[in-house]
Amino acid sequence: MKKVLVVDDDPDILFLVSEVLTRNGYEPLMAYRGAEALDLVRTHRPALVVLDIMMPGLDGFAVCRTIKRDPALAGTKIVMLTAKIKAGDIQTGLAAGADSYITKPFKIAELSDKIKELIG
C-alpha cells in the first residue's frame, strides 16, 4: 500500500483528504506543520505529499524545496493543495518542485485523479 502524506494546518482538510486516500487504497499520513512533514517524509518515505502552502513556521514552498533538493527524497511526488491562487503563487510552487498545483476549494475527483496519475 502506497503512503501519501497530507500536510495542512486545517484539521478538516486533513480528515477529508485522508478519507479520500483511504477509500482509494492508499495509506494516509498526516502533519499539521512543515517541520513535522519533513520528519515524516524522511522517516516514512511516502510516494506523494499533498502539501498546503500557508502553515505556521515552515511554509509549503520551503518544505517542497527541501524535499526536492535532497537526493534521497527528490523522487517524492508533490501536489500543492492551497488557497493561494495567484499566477505568481502557482509559478513559485512549480519552481519549488511541485509536480502539480490544485487550488482550494477543490473537487475531490480532481485530487483523486491527480494522485492516481502521479503514483498509480
PDB file of N, CA and C in Angstrom:
ATOM      1  N   MET A   1       0.841  -1.185   0.000  1.00  0.00           N
ATOM      2  CA  MET A   1       0.000   0.000   0.000  1.00  0.00           C
ATOM      3  C   MET A   1       0.885   1.246   0.000  1.00  0.00           C
ATOM      4  N   LYS A   2       0.661   2.138  -0.957  1.00  0.00           N
ATOM      5  CA  LYS A   2       1.481   3.346  -1.065  1.00  0.00           C
ATOM      6  C   LYS A   2       1.067   4.361  -0.007  1.00  0.00           C
ATOM      7  N   LYS A   3       2.082   4.990   0.589  1.00  0.00           N
ATOM      8  CA  LYS A   3       1.849   6.006   1.607  1.00  0.00           C
ATOM      9  C   LYS A   3       1.753   7.376   0.944  1.00  0.00           C
ATOM     10  N   VAL A   4       0.808   8.186   1.447  1.00  0.00           N
ATOM     11  CA  VAL A   4       0.645   9.561   0.996  1.00  0.00           C
ATOM     12  C   VAL A   4       0.565  10.444   2.234  1.00  0.00           C
ATOM     13  N   LEU A   5       1.437  11.434   2.301  1.00  0.00           N
ATOM     14  CA  LEU A   5       1.454  12.377   3.411  1.00  0.00           C
ATOM     15  C   LEU A   5       0.594  13.587   3.060  1.00  0.00           C
ATOM     16  N   VAL A   6      -0.321  13.934   3.958  1.00  0.00           N
ATOM     17  CA  VAL A   6      -1.163  15.122   3.807  1.00  0.00           C
ATOM     18  C   VAL A   6      -0.680  16.132   4.832  1.00  0.00           C
ATOM     19  N   VAL A   7      -0.347  17.345   4.356  1.00  0.00           N
ATOM     20  CA  VAL A   7       0.185  18.381   5.237  1.00  0.00           C
ATOM     21  C   VAL A   7      -0.707  19.608   5.138  1.00  0.00           C
ATOM     22  N   ASP A   8      -1.390  19.930   6.229  1.00  0.00           N
ATOM     23  CA  ASP A   8      -2.283  21.089   6.257  1.00  0.00           C
ATOM     24  C   ASP A   8      -2.538  21.448   7.706  1.00  0.00           C
ATOM     25  N   ASP A   9      -2.635  22.740   7.998  1.00  0.00           N
ATOM     26  CA  ASP A   9      -2.931  23.143   9.373  1.00  0.00           C
ATOM     27  C   ASP A   9      -4.424  23.171   9.655  1.00  0.00           C
ATOM     28  N   ASP A  10      -5.249  22.814   8.673  1.00  0.00           N
ATOM     29  CA  ASP A  10      -6.698  22.745   8.847  1.00  0.00           C
ATOM     30  C   ASP A  10      -7.098  21.284   9.068  1.00  0.00           C
ATOM     31  N   PRO A  11      -7.563  20.943  10.286  1.00  0.00           N
ATOM     32  CA  PRO A  11      -7.902  19.550  10.561  1.00  0.00           C
ATOM     33  C   PRO A  11      -9.011  18.998   9.666  1.00  0.00           C
ATOM     34  N   ASP A  12      -9.921  19.850   9.208  1.00  0.00           N
ATOM     35  CA  ASP A  12     -10.990  19.382   8.319  1.00  0.00           C
ATOM     36  C   ASP A  12     -10.434  18.914   6.975  1.00  0.00           C
ATOM     37  N   ILE A  13      -9.465  19.650   6.453  1.00  0.00           N
ATOM     38  CA  ILE A  13      -8.833  19.259   5.188  1.00  0.00           C
ATOM     39  C   ILE A  13      -8.051  17.962   5.392  1.00  0.00           C
ATOM     40  N   LEU A  14      -7.317  17.866   6.495  1.00  0.00           N
ATOM     41  CA  LEU A  14      -6.565  16.637   6.784  1.00  0.00           C
ATOM     42  C   LEU A  14      -7.506  15.433   6.814  1.00  0.00           C
ATOM     43  N   PHE A  15      -8.620  15.566   7.500  1.00  0.00           N
ATOM     44  CA  PHE A  15      -9.565  14.459   7.618  1.00  0.00           C
ATOM     45  C   PHE A  15     -10.162  14.107   6.258  1.00  0.00           C
ATOM     46  N   LEU A  16     -10.618  15.109   5.518  1.00  0.00           N
ATOM     47  CA  LEU A  16     -11.247  14.873   4.217  1.00  0.00           C
ATOM     48  C   LEU A  16     -10.291  14.183   3.251  1.00  0.00           C
ATOM     49  N   VAL A  17      -9.100  14.715   3.101  1.00  0.00           N
ATOM     50  CA  VAL A  17      -8.136  14.146   2.158  1.00  0.00           C
ATOM     51  C   VAL A  17      -7.701  12.747   2.616  1.00  0.00           C
ATOM     52  N   SER A  18      -7.538  12.561   3.911  1.00  0.00           N
ATOM     53  CA  SER A  18      -7.172  11.235   4.429  1.00  0.00           C
ATOM     54  C   SER A  18      -8.252  10.199   4.130  1.00  0.00           C
ATOM     55  N   GLU A  19      -9.502  10.589   4.267  1.00  0.00           N
ATOM     56  CA  GLU A  19     -10.616   9.687   3.954  1.00  0.00           C
ATOM     57  C   GLU A  19     -10.612   9.308   2.471  1.00  0.00           C
ATOM     58  N   VAL A  20     -10.380  10.294   1.621  1.00  0.00           N
ATOM     59  CA  VAL A  20     -10.322  10.044   0.170  1.00  0.00           C
ATOM     60  C   VAL A  20      -9.181   9.072  -0.136  1.00  0.00           C
ATOM     61  N   LEU A  21      -8.039   9.286   0.478  1.00  0.00           N
ATOM     62  CA  LEU A  21      -6.885   8.411   0.249  1.00  0.00           C
ATOM     63  C   LEU A  21      -7.188   6.979   0.692  1.00  0.00           C
ATOM     64  N   THR A  22      -7.762   6.828   1.861  1.00  0.00           N
ATOM     65  CA  THR A  22      -8.093   5.503   2.378  1.00  0.00           C
ATOM     66  C   THR A  22      -9.050   4.785   1.430  1.00  0.00           C
ATOM     67  N   ARG A  23     -10.079   5.499   0.974  1.00  0.00           N
ATOM     68  CA  ARG A  23     -11.060   4.898   0.059  1.00  0.00           C
ATOM     69  C   ARG A  23     -10.436   4.489  -1.270  1.00  0.00           C
ATOM     70  N   ASN A  24      -9.340   5.143  -1.635  1.00  0.00           N
ATOM     71  CA  ASN A  24      -8.675   4.829  -2.901  1.00  0.00           C
ATOM     72  C   ASN A  24      -7.504   3.860  -2.733  1.00  0.00           C
ATOM     73  N   GLY A  25      -7.350   3.288  -1.533  1.00  0.00           N
ATOM     74  CA  GLY A  25      -6.351   2.253  -1.332  1.00  0.00           C
ATOM     75  C   GLY A  25      -4.962   2.729  -0.950  1.00  0.00           C
ATOM     76  N   TYR A  26      -4.843   3.973  -0.499  1.00  0.00           N
ATOM     77  CA  TYR A  26      -3.552   4.498  -0.060  1.00  0.00           C
ATOM     78  C   TYR A  26      -3.516   4.538   1.467  1.00  0.00           C
ATOM     79  N   GLU A  27      -2.316   4.579   2.015  1.00  0.00           N
ATOM     80  CA  GLU A  27      -2.137   4.722   3.458  1.00  0.00           C
ATOM     81  C   GLU A  27      -1.825   6.181   3.772  1.00  0.00           C
ATOM     82  N   PRO A  28      -2.780   6.905   4.387  1.00  0.00           N
ATOM     83  CA  PRO A  28      -2.526   8.319   4.669  1.00  0.00           C
ATOM     84  C   PRO A  28      -1.678   8.531   5.919  1.00  0.00           C
ATOM     85  N   LEU A  29      -0.796   9.508   5.832  1.00  0.00           N
ATOM     86  CA  LEU A  29      -0.044  10.017   6.976  1.00  0.00           C
ATOM     87  C   LEU A  29      -0.436  11.488   7.083  1.00  0.00           C
ATOM     88  N   MET A  30      -0.409  12.060   8.282  1.00  0.00           N
ATOM     89  CA  MET A  30      -0.844  13.447   8.438  1.00  0.00           C
ATOM     90  C   MET A  30       0.160  14.280   9.229  1.00  0.00           C
ATOM     91  N   ALA A  31       0.289  15.542   8.810  1.00  0.00           N
ATOM     92  CA  ALA A  31       1.123  16.502   9.524  1.00  0.00           C
ATOM     93  C   ALA A  31       0.441  17.868   9.490  1.00  0.00           C
ATOM     94  N   TYR A  32       0.579  18.616  10.588  1.00  0.00           N
ATOM     95  CA  TYR A  32      -0.014  19.950  10.693  1.00  0.00           C
ATOM     96  C   TYR A  32       0.978  21.064  10.362  1.00  0.00           C
ATOM     97  N   ARG A  33       2.268  20.767  10.414  1.00  0.00           N
ATOM     98  CA  ARG A  33       3.305  21.794  10.235  1.00  0.00           C
ATOM     99  C   ARG A  33       4.384  21.303   9.275  1.00  0.00           C
ATOM    100  N   GLY A  34       5.095  22.252   8.690  1.00  0.00           N
ATOM    101  CA  GLY A  34       6.124  21.924   7.726  1.00  0.00           C
ATOM    102  C   GLY A  34       7.255  21.085   8.285  1.00  0.00           C
ATOM    103  N   ALA A  35       7.749  21.450   9.475  1.00  0.00           N
ATOM    104  CA  ALA A  35       8.864  20.698  10.072  1.00  0.00           C
ATOM    105  C   ALA A  35       8.443  19.258  10.364  1.00  0.00           C
ATOM    106  N   GLU A  36       7.224  19.081  10.842  1.00  0.00           N
ATOM    107  CA  GLU A  36       6.692  17.742  11.111  1.00  0.00           C
ATOM    108  C   GLU A  36       6.605  16.956   9.799  1.00  0.00           C
ATOM    109  N   ALA A  37       6.206  17.628   8.733  1.00  0.00           N
ATOM    110  CA  ALA A  37       6.103  16.977   7.418  1.00  0.00           C
ATOM    111  C   ALA A  37       7.467  16.463   6.965  1.00  0.00           C
ATOM    112  N   LEU A  38       8.495  17.272   7.119  1.00  0.00           N
ATOM    113  CA  LEU A  38       9.837  16.841   6.709  1.00  0.00           C
ATOM    114  C   LEU A  38      10.296  15.628   7.498  1.00  0.00           C
ATOM    115  N   ASP A  39      10.015  15.615   8.798  1.00  0.00           N
ATOM    116  CA  ASP A  39      10.374  14.444   9.616  1.00  0.00           C
ATOM    117  C   ASP A  39       9.671  13.193   9.093  1.00  0.00           C
ATOM    118  N   LEU A  40       8.378  13.312   8.782  1.00  0.00           N
ATOM    119  CA  LEU A  40       7.617  12.160   8.296  1.00  0.00           C
ATOM    120  C   LEU A  40       8.083  11.700   6.917  1.00  0.00           C
ATOM    121  N   VAL A  41       8.440  12.640   6.048  1.00  0.00           N
ATOM    122  CA  VAL A  41       8.939  12.278   4.719  1.00  0.00           C
ATOM    123  C   VAL A  41      10.246  11.499   4.855  1.00  0.00           C
ATOM    124  N   ARG A  42      11.121  11.962   5.715  1.00  0.00           N
ATOM    125  CA  ARG A  42      12.409  11.285   5.906  1.00  0.00           C
ATOM    126  C   ARG A  42      12.241   9.906   6.539  1.00  0.00           C
ATOM    127  N   THR A  43      11.286   9.776   7.437  1.00  0.00           N
ATOM    128  CA  THR A  43      11.086   8.515   8.164  1.00  0.00           C
ATOM    129  C   THR A  43      10.282   7.495   7.367  1.00  0.00           C
ATOM    130  N   HIS A  44       9.190   7.942   6.729  1.00  0.00           N
ATOM    131  CA  HIS A  44       8.244   7.013   6.101  1.00  0.00           C
ATOM    132  C   HIS A  44       8.352   6.925   4.576  1.00  0.00           C
ATOM    133  N   ARG A  45       9.066   7.861   3.969  1.00  0.00           N
ATOM    134  CA  ARG A  45       9.262   7.858   2.517  1.00  0.00           C
ATOM    135  C   ARG A  45       7.947   7.670   1.734  1.00  0.00           C
ATOM    136  N   PRO A  46       6.983   8.582   1.901  1.00  0.00           N
ATOM    137  CA  PRO A  46       5.732   8.445   1.151  1.00  0.00           C
ATOM    138  C   PRO A  46       5.980   8.606  -0.347  1.00  0.00           C
ATOM    139  N   ALA A  47       5.103   8.016  -1.131  1.00  0.00           N
ATOM    140  CA  ALA A  47       5.203   8.151  -2.589  1.00  0.00           C
ATOM    141  C   ALA A  47       4.816   9.552  -3.029  1.00  0.00           C
ATOM    142  N   LEU A  48       3.932  10.195  -2.244  1.00  0.00           N
ATOM    143  CA  LEU A  48       3.412  11.501  -2.626  1.00  0.00           C
ATOM    144  C   LEU A  48       3.105  12.308  -1.381  1.00  0.00           C
ATOM    145  N   VAL A  49       3.234  13.640  -1.511  1.00  0.00           N
ATOM    146  CA  VAL A  49       2.871  14.572  -0.447  1.00  0.00           C
ATOM    147  C   VAL A  49       1.827  15.531  -1.000  1.00  0.00           C
ATOM    148  N   VAL A  50       0.694  15.642  -0.291  1.00  0.00           N
ATOM    149  CA  VAL A  50      -0.324  16.654  -0.592  1.00  0.00           C
ATOM    150  C   VAL A  50      -0.036  17.782   0.383  1.00  0.00           C
ATOM    151  N   LEU A  51       0.370  18.939  -0.142  1.00  0.00           N
ATOM    152  CA  LEU A  51       1.021  19.962   0.675  1.00  0.00           C
ATOM    153  C   LEU A  51       0.337  21.322   0.581  1.00  0.00           C
ATOM    154  N   ASP A  52      -0.117  21.824   1.728  1.00  0.00           N
ATOM    155  CA  ASP A  52      -0.626  23.192   1.822  1.00  0.00           C
ATOM    156  C   ASP A  52       0.566  24.143   1.815  1.00  0.00           C
ATOM    157  N   ILE A  53       0.318  25.389   1.479  1.00  0.00           N
ATOM    158  CA  ILE A  53       1.410  26.374   1.488  1.00  0.00           C
ATOM    159  C   ILE A  53       1.413  27.178   2.774  1.00  0.00           C
ATOM    160  N   MET A  54       0.266  27.708   3.149  1.00  0.00           N
ATOM    161  CA  MET A  54       0.194  28.611   4.301  1.00  0.00           C
ATOM    162  C   MET A  54       0.031  27.806   5.592  1.00  0.00           C
ATOM    163  N   MET A  55       1.156  27.665   6.299  1.00  0.00           N
ATOM    164  CA  MET A  55       1.170  26.962   7.577  1.00  0.00           C
ATOM    165  C   MET A  55       2.076  27.727   8.530  1.00  0.00           C
ATOM    166  N   PRO A  56       1.870  27.558   9.836  1.00  0.00           N
ATOM    167  CA  PRO A  56       2.770  28.213  10.781  1.00  0.00           C
ATOM    168  C   PRO A  56       4.186  27.640  10.670  1.00  0.00           C
ATOM    169  N   GLY A  57       5.164  28.493  10.868  1.00  0.00           N
ATOM    170  CA  GLY A  57       6.557  28.038  10.772  1.00  0.00           C
ATOM    171  C   GLY A  57       6.967  27.885   9.322  1.00  0.00           C
ATOM    172  N   LEU A  58       7.486  26.730   8.985  1.00  0.00           N
ATOM    173  CA  LEU A  58       7.969  26.425   7.636  1.00  0.00           C
ATOM    174  C   LEU A  58       6.788  26.318   6.676  1.00  0.00           C
ATOM    175  N   ASP A  59       6.775  27.153   5.629  1.00  0.00           N
ATOM    176  CA  ASP A  59       5.645  27.090   4.697  1.00  0.00           C
ATOM    177  C   ASP A  59       5.837  25.981   3.655  1.00  0.00           C
ATOM    178  N   GLY A  60       4.787  25.746   2.878  1.00  0.00           N
ATOM    179  CA  GLY A  60       4.807  24.664   1.898  1.00  0.00           C
ATOM    180  C   GLY A  60       5.858  24.835   0.817  1.00  0.00           C
ATOM    181  N   PHE A  61       6.139  26.069   0.406  1.00  0.00           N
ATOM    182  CA  PHE A  61       7.180  26.288  -0.599  1.00  0.00           C
ATOM    183  C   PHE A  61       8.527  25.774  -0.080  1.00  0.00           C
ATOM    184  N   ALA A  62       8.851  26.120   1.187  1.00  0.00           N
ATOM    185  CA  ALA A  62      10.123  25.699   1.784  1.00  0.00           C
ATOM    186  C   ALA A  62      10.175  24.183   1.954  1.00  0.00           C
ATOM    187  N   VAL A  63       9.067  23.585   2.351  1.00  0.00           N
ATOM    188  CA  VAL A  63       9.012  22.122   2.503  1.00  0.00           C
ATOM    189  C   VAL A  63       9.260  21.454   1.155  1.00  0.00           C
ATOM    190  N   CYS A  64       8.604  21.947   0.123  1.00  0.00           N
ATOM    191  CA  CYS A  64       8.746  21.392  -1.223  1.00  0.00           C
ATOM    192  C   CYS A  64      10.197  21.488  -1.701  1.00  0.00           C
ATOM    193  N   ARG A  65      10.793  22.669  -1.561  1.00  0.00           N
ATOM    194  CA  ARG A  65      12.188  22.847  -1.985  1.00  0.00           C
ATOM    195  C   ARG A  65      13.124  21.908  -1.228  1.00  0.00           C
ATOM    196  N   THR A  66      12.899  21.755   0.078  1.00  0.00           N
ATOM    197  CA  THR A  66      13.747  20.895   0.899  1.00  0.00           C
ATOM    198  C   THR A  66      13.663  19.447   0.436  1.00  0.00           C
ATOM    199  N   ILE A  67      12.457  18.984   0.163  1.00  0.00           N
ATOM    200  CA  ILE A  67      12.279  17.601  -0.301  1.00  0.00           C
ATOM    201  C   ILE A  67      12.956  17.405  -1.654  1.00  0.00           C
ATOM    202  N   LYS A  68      12.721  18.311  -2.572  1.00  0.00           N
ATOM    203  CA  LYS A  68      13.228  18.138  -3.934  1.00  0.00           C
ATOM    204  C   LYS A  68      14.746  18.307  -4.033  1.00  0.00           C
ATOM    205  N   ARG A  69      15.350  19.024  -3.091  1.00  0.00           N
ATOM    206  CA  ARG A  69      16.808  19.208  -3.110  1.00  0.00           C
ATOM    207  C   ARG A  69      17.568  18.049  -2.467  1.00  0.00           C
ATOM    208  N   ASP A  70      16.863  17.207  -1.726  1.00  0.00           N
ATOM    209  CA  ASP A  70      17.502  16.071  -1.058  1.00  0.00           C
ATOM    210  C   ASP A  70      17.519  14.893  -2.035  1.00  0.00           C
ATOM    211  N   PRO A  71      18.704  14.443  -2.469  1.00  0.00           N
ATOM    212  CA  PRO A  71      18.760  13.357  -3.451  1.00  0.00           C
ATOM    213  C   PRO A  71      17.995  12.101  -3.037  1.00  0.00           C
ATOM    214  N   ALA A  72      17.934  11.824  -1.741  1.00  0.00           N
ATOM    215  CA  ALA A  72      17.232  10.636  -1.264  1.00  0.00           C
ATOM    216  C   ALA A  72      15.711  10.788  -1.329  1.00  0.00           C
ATOM    217  N   LEU A  73      15.243  12.033  -1.409  1.00  0.00           N
ATOM    218  CA  LEU A  73      13.797  12.297  -1.375  1.00  0.00           C
ATOM    219  C   LEU A  73      13.266  12.914  -2.667  1.00  0.00           C
ATOM    220  N   ALA A  74      14.156  13.296  -3.557  1.00  0.00           N
ATOM    221  CA  ALA A  74      13.783  14.078  -4.741  1.00  0.00           C
ATOM    222  C   ALA A  74      12.729  13.410  -5.618  1.00  0.00           C
ATOM    223  N   GLY A  75      12.620  12.100  -5.572  1.00  0.00           N
ATOM    224  CA  GLY A  75      11.628  11.399  -6.376  1.00  0.00           C
ATOM    225  C   GLY A  75      10.221  11.443  -5.802  1.00  0.00           C
ATOM    226  N   THR A  76      10.084  11.981  -4.600  1.00  0.00           N
ATOM    227  CA  THR A  76       8.768  12.100  -3.964  1.00  0.00           C
ATOM    228  C   THR A  76       7.910  13.057  -4.773  1.00  0.00           C
ATOM    229  N   LYS A  77       6.727  12.624  -5.159  1.00  0.00           N
ATOM    230  CA  LYS A  77       5.798  13.482  -5.892  1.00  0.00           C
ATOM    231  C   LYS A  77       5.127  14.429  -4.910  1.00  0.00           C
ATOM    232  N   ILE A  78       4.887  15.668  -5.358  1.00  0.00           N
ATOM    233  CA  ILE A  78       4.267  16.681  -4.502  1.00  0.00           C
ATOM    234  C   ILE A  78       3.123  17.356  -5.246  1.00  0.00           C
ATOM    235  N   VAL A  79       1.960  17.376  -4.592  1.00  0.00           N
ATOM    236  CA  VAL A  79       0.801  18.123  -5.087  1.00  0.00           C
ATOM    237  C   VAL A  79       0.543  19.245  -4.090  1.00  0.00           C
ATOM    238  N   MET A  80       0.679  20.483  -4.543  1.00  0.00           N
ATOM    239  CA  MET A  80       0.313  21.621  -3.708  1.00  0.00           C
ATOM    240  C   MET A  80      -1.213  21.704  -3.711  1.00  0.00           C
ATOM    241  N   LEU A  81      -1.804  21.803  -2.530  1.00  0.00           N
ATOM    242  CA  LEU A  81      -3.247  21.954  -2.374  1.00  0.00           C
ATOM    243  C   LEU A  81      -3.440  23.166  -1.484  1.00  0.00           C
ATOM    244  N   THR A  82      -3.825  24.300  -2.086  1.00  0.00           N
ATOM    245  CA  THR A  82      -3.727  25.567  -1.380  1.00  0.00           C
ATOM    246  C   THR A  82      -4.778  26.576  -1.826  1.00  0.00           C
ATOM    247  N   ALA A  83      -5.010  27.552  -0.972  1.00  0.00           N
ATOM    248  CA  ALA A  83      -5.909  28.659  -1.297  1.00  0.00           C
ATOM    249  C   ALA A  83      -5.175  29.773  -2.046  1.00  0.00           C
ATOM    250  N   LYS A  84      -3.872  29.657  -2.190  1.00  0.00           N
ATOM    251  CA  LYS A  84      -3.101  30.683  -2.914  1.00  0.00           C
ATOM    252  C   LYS A  84      -3.295  30.471  -4.415  1.00  0.00           C
ATOM    253  N   ILE A  85      -4.050  31.377  -5.031  1.00  0.00           N
ATOM    254  CA  ILE A  85      -4.497  31.169  -6.409  1.00  0.00           C
ATOM    255  C   ILE A  85      -3.883  32.129  -7.429  1.00  0.00           C
ATOM    256  N   LYS A  86      -3.039  33.037  -6.999  1.00  0.00           N
ATOM    257  CA  LYS A  86      -2.433  33.975  -7.941  1.00  0.00           C
ATOM    258  C   LYS A  86      -1.425  33.262  -8.840  1.00  0.00           C
ATOM    259  N   ALA A  87      -1.289  33.758 -10.056  1.00  0.00           N
ATOM    260  CA  ALA A  87      -0.357  33.144 -11.013  1.00  0.00           C
ATOM    261  C   ALA A  87       1.053  33.070 -10.439  1.00  0.00           C
ATOM    262  N   GLY A  88       1.480  34.098  -9.723  1.00  0.00           N
ATOM    263  CA  GLY A  88       2.817  34.103  -9.124  1.00  0.00           C
ATOM    264  C   GLY A  88       2.992  33.000  -8.095  1.00  0.00           C
ATOM    265  N   ASP A  89       1.922  32.718  -7.346  1.00  0.00           N
ATOM    266  CA  ASP A  89       1.986  31.639  -6.360  1.00  0.00           C
ATOM    267  C   ASP A  89       2.132  30.290  -7.051  1.00  0.00           C
ATOM    268  N   ILE A  90       1.365  30.091  -8.112  1.00  0.00           N
ATOM    269  CA  ILE A  90       1.432  28.838  -8.864  1.00  0.00           C
ATOM    270  C   ILE A  90       2.831  28.660  -9.447  1.00  0.00           C
ATOM    271  N   GLN A  91       3.386  29.732 -10.031  1.00  0.00           N
ATOM    272  CA  GLN A  91       4.736  29.667 -10.597  1.00  0.00           C
ATOM    273  C   GLN A  91       5.768  29.351  -9.515  1.00  0.00           C
ATOM    274  N   THR A  92       5.613  29.968  -8.337  1.00  0.00           N
ATOM    275  CA  THR A  92       6.537  29.715  -7.238  1.00  0.00           C
ATOM    276  C   THR A  92       6.462  28.251  -6.798  1.00  0.00           C
ATOM    277  N   GLY A  93       5.246  27.710  -6.701  1.00  0.00           N
ATOM    278  CA  GLY A  93       5.066  26.309  -6.303  1.00  0.00           C
ATOM    279  C   GLY A  93       5.702  25.351  -7.290  1.00  0.00           C
ATOM    280  N   LEU A  94       5.478  25.585  -8.573  1.00  0.00           N
ATOM    281  CA  LEU A  94       6.049  24.710  -9.593  1.00  0.00           C
ATOM    282  C   LEU A  94       7.566  24.868  -9.655  1.00  0.00           C
ATOM    283  N   ALA A  95       8.062  26.099  -9.475  1.00  0.00           N
ATOM    284  CA  ALA A  95       9.510  26.334  -9.467  1.00  0.00           C
ATOM    285  C   ALA A  95      10.165  25.671  -8.252  1.00  0.00           C
ATOM    286  N   ALA A  96       9.425  25.545  -7.148  1.00  0.00           N
ATOM    287  CA  ALA A  96       9.954  24.889  -5.947  1.00  0.00           C
ATOM    288  C   ALA A  96      10.047  23.370  -6.139  1.00  0.00           C
ATOM    289  N   GLY A  97       9.385  22.864  -7.185  1.00  0.00           N
ATOM    290  CA  GLY A  97       9.475  21.437  -7.479  1.00  0.00           C
ATOM    291  C   GLY A  97       8.160  20.681  -7.417  1.00  0.00           C
ATOM    292  N   ALA A  98       7.048  21.379  -7.166  1.00  0.00           N
ATOM    293  CA  ALA A  98       5.754  20.694  -7.106  1.00  0.00           C
ATOM    294  C   ALA A  98       5.450  20.054  -8.457  1.00  0.00           C
ATOM    295  N   ASP A  99       4.882  18.861  -8.405  1.00  0.00           N
ATOM    296  CA  ASP A  99       4.503  18.146  -9.624  1.00  0.00           C
ATOM    297  C   ASP A  99       3.134  18.577 -10.115  1.00  0.00           C
ATOM    298  N   SER A 100       2.339  19.160  -9.223  1.00  0.00           N
ATOM    299  CA  SER A 100       1.009  19.642  -9.577  1.00  0.00           C
ATOM    300  C   SER A 100       0.589  20.689  -8.560  1.00  0.00           C
ATOM    301  N   TYR A 101      -0.392  21.511  -8.943  1.00  0.00           N
ATOM    302  CA  TYR A 101      -0.849  22.610  -8.098  1.00  0.00           C
ATOM    303  C   TYR A 101      -2.363  22.669  -8.214  1.00  0.00           C
ATOM    304  N   ILE A 102      -3.061  22.407  -7.120  1.00  0.00           N
ATOM    305  CA  ILE A 102      -4.523  22.424  -7.096  1.00  0.00           C
ATOM    306  C   ILE A 102      -4.958  23.481  -6.091  1.00  0.00           C
ATOM    307  N   THR A 103      -5.918  24.318  -6.495  1.00  0.00           N
ATOM    308  CA  THR A 103      -6.362  25.389  -5.614  1.00  0.00           C
ATOM    309  C   THR A 103      -7.632  25.001  -4.856  1.00  0.00           C
ATOM    310  N   LYS A 104      -7.737  25.548  -3.647  1.00  0.00           N
ATOM    311  CA  LYS A 104      -8.934  25.384  -2.819  1.00  0.00           C
ATOM    312  C   LYS A 104      -9.893  26.520  -3.149  1.00  0.00           C
ATOM    313  N   PRO A 105     -11.185  26.288  -3.122  1.00  0.00           N
ATOM    314  CA  PRO A 105     -11.818  24.998  -2.901  1.00  0.00           C
ATOM    315  C   PRO A 105     -11.537  24.064  -4.076  1.00  0.00           C
ATOM    316  N   PHE A 106     -11.480  22.772  -3.790  1.00  0.00           N
ATOM    317  CA  PHE A 106     -11.104  21.806  -4.811  1.00  0.00           C
ATOM    318  C   PHE A 106     -12.171  20.731  -4.931  1.00  0.00           C
ATOM    319  N   LYS A 107     -12.140  20.039  -6.050  1.00  0.00           N
ATOM    320  CA  LYS A 107     -13.032  18.908  -6.268  1.00  0.00           C
ATOM    321  C   LYS A 107     -12.280  17.631  -5.879  1.00  0.00           C
ATOM    322  N   ILE A 108     -12.928  16.787  -5.108  1.00  0.00           N
ATOM    323  CA  ILE A 108     -12.299  15.546  -4.668  1.00  0.00           C
ATOM    324  C   ILE A 108     -11.867  14.701  -5.861  1.00  0.00           C
ATOM    325  N   ALA A 109     -12.698  14.661  -6.890  1.00  0.00           N
ATOM    326  CA  ALA A 109     -12.361  13.867  -8.078  1.00  0.00           C
ATOM    327  C   ALA A 109     -11.083  14.385  -8.731  1.00  0.00           C
ATOM    328  N   GLU A 110     -10.893  15.697  -8.755  1.00  0.00           N
ATOM    329  CA  GLU A 110      -9.681  16.275  -9.351  1.00  0.00           C
ATOM    330  C   GLU A 110      -8.441  15.834  -8.573  1.00  0.00           C
ATOM    331  N   LEU A 111      -8.522  15.904  -7.253  1.00  0.00           N
ATOM    332  CA  LEU A 111      -7.387  15.476  -6.433  1.00  0.00           C
ATOM    333  C   LEU A 111      -7.130  13.983  -6.594  1.00  0.00           C
ATOM    334  N   SER A 112      -8.177  13.181  -6.540  1.00  0.00           N
ATOM    335  CA  SER A 112      -8.023  11.725  -6.718  1.00  0.00           C
ATOM    336  C   SER A 112      -7.393  11.384  -8.054  1.00  0.00           C
ATOM    337  N   ASP A 113      -7.869  12.026  -9.108  1.00  0.00           N
ATOM    338  CA  ASP A 113      -7.329  11.763 -10.448  1.00  0.00           C
ATOM    339  C   ASP A 113      -5.857  12.142 -10.526  1.00  0.00           C
ATOM    340  N   LYS A 114      -5.496  13.265  -9.925  1.00  0.00           N
ATOM    341  CA  LYS A 114      -4.093  13.724  -9.975  1.00  0.00           C
ATOM    342  C   LYS A 114      -3.202  12.751  -9.200  1.00  0.00           C
ATOM    343  N   ILE A 115      -3.654  12.270  -8.064  1.00  0.00           N
ATOM    344  CA  ILE A 115      -2.861  11.317  -7.280  1.00  0.00           C
ATOM    345  C   ILE A 115      -2.659  10.027  -8.076  1.00  0.00           C
ATOM    346  N   LYS A 116      -3.733   9.532  -8.667  1.00  0.00           N
ATOM    347  CA  LYS A 116      -3.622   8.305  -9.469  1.00  0.00           C
ATOM    348  C   LYS A 116      -2.676   8.516 -10.651  1.00  0.00           C
ATOM    349  N   GLU A 117      -2.736   9.693 -11.264  1.00  0.00           N
ATOM    350  CA  GLU A 117      -1.855   9.999 -12.399  1.00  0.00           C
ATOM    351  C   GLU A 117      -0.385   9.993 -11.968  1.00  0.00           C
ATOM    352  N   LEU A 118      -0.115  10.521 -10.798  1.00  0.00           N
ATOM    353  CA  LEU A 118       1.270  10.666 -10.345  1.00  0.00           C
ATOM    354  C   LEU A 118       1.875   9.395  -9.739  1.00  0.00           C
ATOM    355  N   ILE A 119       1.065   8.604  -9.014  1.00  0.00           N
ATOM    356  CA  ILE A 119       1.645   7.439  -8.344  1.00  0.00           C
ATOM    357  C   ILE A 119       0.893   6.133  -8.589  1.00  0.00           C
ATOM    358  N   GLY A 120      -0.148   6.175  -9.403  1.00  0.00           N
ATOM    359  CA  GLY A 120      -0.877   4.947  -9.739  1.00  0.00           C
ATOM    360  C   GLY A 120      -1.899   4.534  -8.729  1.00  0.00           C
TER     361      GLY A 120
END
